[in-house]
């Protein structure tokens, strides 16, 4: 049987190609709605669409034991850092109504007949994309 390359995270909840569509972007403010850090808010540092996880500032903190490495100027000890959290456990915080909200998408027709999708708050209609 020839070797077959497996798609990363090719299981039920992931779209074809192993990439999920997430409504989160880097530097969004999100609120945790379930899990051990429920109620905390933080800024999104990284979005991993393959695993469907986010790295949120000061959320899901874990302790890492690091060995000292003088060649790389790494001081050993116990360091605390963020761990990825599942995207389904967080909601975007709307800057307009200052609440955790679900995201809607509005399609706007721009000059030249092109379309642009913008993320919008479902409660107040405020645009979440600040560009």
Protein backbone atom coordinates (compact mmCIF):
# COMPACT_ATOMS: atom_id res chain seq x y z
CA UNK A 1 0.00 0.00 0.00
CA UNK A 2 1.55 3.35 -1.01
CA UNK A 3 2.21 6.03 1.55
CA UNK A 4 -0.66 8.50 1.84
CA UNK A 5 -0.13 11.95 3.27
CA UNK A 6 -2.69 12.69 5.97
CA UNK A 7 -4.32 16.07 6.24
CA UNK A 8 -3.66 17.81 9.55
CA UNK A 9 -6.62 17.46 11.92
CA UNK A 10 -8.84 15.92 9.24
CA UNK A 11 -11.79 14.98 11.43
CA UNK A 12 -15.49 15.72 11.68
CA UNK A 13 -15.44 19.34 12.85
CA UNK A 14 -12.90 20.61 10.33
CA UNK A 15 -13.65 21.76 6.78
CA UNK A 16 -11.87 20.24 3.79
CA UNK A 17 -8.16 20.94 3.74
CA UNK A 18 -7.99 20.93 7.54
CA UNK A 19 -8.77 24.64 7.94
CA UNK A 20 -11.68 25.94 10.02
CA UNK A 21 -13.28 29.31 9.43
CA UNK A 22 -12.92 31.41 12.56
CA UNK A 23 -14.49 34.78 13.30
CA UNK A 24 -11.47 35.90 15.32
CA UNK A 25 -8.54 38.02 14.26
CA UNK A 26 -5.29 38.97 15.92
CA UNK A 27 -5.66 41.86 18.43
CA UNK A 28 -9.40 41.24 18.94
CA UNK A 29 -10.63 41.50 22.51
CA UNK A 30 -12.38 38.30 23.55
CA UNK A 31 -14.18 37.02 26.64
CA UNK A 32 -13.96 33.42 27.86
CA UNK A 33 -17.45 31.92 28.24
CA UNK A 34 -16.56 28.43 29.48
CA UNK A 35 -13.71 26.52 31.05
CA UNK A 36 -11.48 27.17 34.03
CA UNK A 37 -10.89 30.83 33.05
CA UNK A 38 -14.58 31.67 32.53
CA UNK A 39 -15.24 35.42 32.73
CA UNK A 40 -11.71 36.57 31.84
CA UNK A 41 -11.10 38.91 28.94
CA UNK A 42 -7.94 39.28 26.91
CA UNK A 43 -6.39 40.18 23.59
CA UNK A 44 -5.91 37.53 20.88
CA UNK A 45 -2.19 36.99 20.29
CA UNK A 46 -2.39 34.21 17.68
CA UNK A 47 -5.08 32.36 15.70
CA UNK A 48 -4.48 28.75 14.62
CA UNK A 49 -7.08 27.82 12.02
CA UNK A 50 -5.79 24.24 11.66
CA UNK A 51 -6.51 23.29 15.26
CA UNK A 52 -9.31 25.82 15.82
CA UNK A 53 -7.53 27.37 18.79
CA UNK A 54 -6.56 30.86 19.93
CA UNK A 55 -3.75 32.18 22.08
CA UNK A 56 -5.27 34.80 24.38
CA UNK A 57 -3.29 37.14 26.62
CA UNK A 58 -3.43 36.14 30.34
CA UNK A 59 -5.86 33.26 29.70
CA UNK A 60 -5.16 29.52 30.24
CA UNK A 61 -1.84 30.21 31.96
CA UNK A 62 0.42 27.18 32.40
CA UNK A 63 3.78 26.70 34.09
CA UNK A 64 6.77 25.66 31.98
CA UNK A 65 9.93 24.23 33.53
CA UNK A 66 12.89 25.45 31.48
CA UNK A 67 16.48 24.32 31.71
CA UNK A 68 19.13 27.05 31.78
CA UNK A 69 21.09 27.50 28.57
CA UNK A 70 23.98 29.99 28.94
CA UNK A 71 24.75 29.89 25.20
CA UNK A 72 21.33 31.38 24.39
CA UNK A 73 21.12 33.56 27.54
CA UNK A 74 18.15 31.54 28.82
CA UNK A 75 17.73 31.62 32.56
CA UNK A 76 16.24 28.42 33.91
CA UNK A 77 13.32 28.08 36.25
CA UNK A 78 9.56 27.93 36.19
CA UNK A 79 8.02 30.28 33.64
CA UNK A 80 4.32 31.05 33.22
CA UNK A 81 2.90 31.44 29.75
CA UNK A 82 -0.36 31.24 27.82
CA UNK A 83 -1.75 28.00 26.45
CA UNK A 84 -4.10 27.80 23.43
CA UNK A 85 -7.84 27.82 24.13
CA UNK A 86 -10.56 26.34 21.94
CA UNK A 87 -12.27 28.98 19.78
CA UNK A 88 -15.73 27.75 20.79
CA UNK A 89 -15.01 28.79 24.39
CA UNK A 90 -14.63 32.51 23.63
CA UNK A 91 -16.75 35.35 22.21
CA UNK A 92 -15.67 38.64 20.65
CA UNK A 93 -16.19 41.73 22.83
CA UNK A 94 -17.95 44.48 20.86
CA UNK A 95 -16.31 47.92 21.24
CA UNK A 96 -19.71 49.60 20.75
CA UNK A 97 -21.84 47.91 23.42
CA UNK A 98 -18.85 46.52 25.42
CA UNK A 99 -20.40 43.03 25.69
CA UNK A 100 -19.43 39.56 24.51
CA UNK A 101 -21.38 39.06 21.28
CA UNK A 102 -21.82 36.71 18.37
CA UNK A 103 -20.53 37.89 15.00
CA UNK A 104 -22.59 38.58 11.88
CA UNK A 105 -21.17 39.22 8.42
CA UNK A 106 -22.37 42.08 6.22
CA UNK A 107 -21.48 42.15 2.56
CA UNK A 108 -20.81 45.69 1.32
CA UNK A 109 -20.47 46.62 -2.35
CA UNK A 110 -17.40 48.79 -2.80
CA UNK A 111 -16.56 50.98 -5.82
CA UNK A 112 -15.82 48.97 -8.94
CA UNK A 113 -18.42 46.29 -8.18
CA UNK A 114 -16.21 44.51 -5.65
CA UNK A 115 -17.66 43.09 -2.44
CA UNK A 116 -16.20 43.27 1.05
CA UNK A 117 -17.30 41.20 4.03
CA UNK A 118 -17.21 42.98 7.36
CA UNK A 119 -17.74 41.53 10.82
CA UNK A 120 -20.63 43.15 12.68
CA UNK A 121 -21.98 42.91 16.24
CA UNK A 122 -25.31 41.06 16.36
CA UNK A 123 -26.57 43.16 19.30
CA UNK A 124 -25.86 46.75 18.27
CA UNK A 125 -24.73 46.50 14.62
CA UNK A 126 -21.34 48.11 15.33
CA UNK A 127 -18.54 47.12 12.89
CA UNK A 128 -15.87 44.98 14.54
CA UNK A 129 -13.27 45.46 11.82
CA UNK A 130 -11.38 48.68 12.46
CA UNK A 131 -9.67 49.50 9.16
